[in-house]
Protein backbone atom coordinates (compact mmCIF):
# COMPACT_ATOMS: atom_id res chain seq x y z
CA VAL A 1 100.93 -47.85 122.40
CA ALA A 2 99.71 -49.38 119.09
CA LYS A 3 101.74 -52.24 119.23
CA ASP A 4 100.44 -52.88 123.03
CA LEU A 5 96.92 -52.70 121.94
CA GLY A 6 96.87 -54.78 118.93
CA LEU A 7 95.89 -52.24 116.33
CA GLN A 8 97.46 -50.89 113.25
CA LEU A 9 99.20 -47.58 112.89
CA PRO A 10 95.79 -46.04 111.06
CA ALA A 11 93.39 -47.69 113.51
CA LEU A 12 95.06 -44.95 116.12
CA ARG A 13 93.54 -42.34 114.28
CA GLU A 14 90.35 -44.10 113.33
CA ARG A 15 89.50 -45.25 116.73
CA GLY A 16 90.85 -41.41 118.17
CA VAL A 17 93.35 -43.49 120.75
CA ARG A 18 94.62 -40.60 122.54
CA ALA A 19 96.42 -40.46 126.59
CA VAL A 20 94.50 -38.53 129.16
CA CYS A 21 96.00 -37.51 132.51
CA GLU A 22 94.42 -36.28 135.87
CA GLY A 23 94.58 -32.42 136.07
CA ARG A 24 94.29 -29.81 133.36
CA MET A 25 97.78 -30.53 131.90
CA GLN A 26 97.82 -33.11 129.17
CA TYR A 27 101.81 -34.26 129.73
CA PHE A 28 101.58 -37.03 127.38
CA ALA A 29 100.37 -37.48 123.18
CA LEU A 30 100.30 -40.30 120.84
CA GLN A 31 102.56 -39.75 117.79
CA GLY A 32 99.98 -40.83 114.73
CA GLN A 33 102.81 -41.90 112.55
CA THR A 34 104.58 -44.15 114.83
CA GLY A 35 102.31 -44.91 117.70
CA HIS A 36 104.81 -44.15 120.31
CA LEU A 37 103.79 -42.63 123.68
CA VAL A 38 105.61 -39.37 123.88
CA THR A 39 105.93 -35.98 126.51
CA ALA A 40 103.84 -33.00 125.20
CA GLU A 41 104.46 -30.81 128.42
CA ARG A 42 107.46 -30.45 130.49
CA ILE A 43 107.18 -32.22 133.50
CA ASP A 44 108.02 -30.63 136.53
CA ARG A 45 108.25 -32.88 139.68
CA GLU A 46 108.84 -30.27 142.30
CA GLN A 47 105.61 -28.41 141.04
CA LEU A 48 103.33 -31.77 140.88
CA CYS A 49 104.58 -33.34 144.41
CA ARG A 50 106.50 -30.76 146.00
CA LEU A 51 107.57 -32.49 149.12
CA VAL A 52 106.22 -36.01 148.47
CA GLU A 53 108.88 -38.75 148.11
CA LYS A 54 106.73 -40.70 146.00
CA CYS A 55 105.85 -39.16 142.82
CA VAL A 56 102.89 -40.84 140.92
CA LEU A 57 101.59 -39.09 137.57
CA ARG A 58 98.33 -41.25 136.82
CA CYS A 59 96.82 -41.26 133.04
CA GLU A 60 94.89 -43.49 130.76
CA VAL A 61 95.04 -44.25 126.96
CA ILE A 62 91.24 -43.62 125.87
CA VAL A 63 90.04 -46.03 122.92
CA GLU A 64 86.81 -45.05 121.26
CA GLY A 65 84.93 -48.00 119.65
CA GLU A 66 84.76 -51.59 120.45
CA MET A 67 87.87 -53.44 120.86
């Protein structure tokens, strides 16, 4: 994520970069040391989508401050 945003790793913490998903569960997190996007919670497709064939989990990466 840091590379995609063109930020150095310390800027991730300074700018409060975070991953936010719809709903209560936050399934992803950003690792401050590497800038990698990782799963923070177990993702259960059956629970999320039940009988829907195409399962989509919408998330955003939020960056505080100007880019």
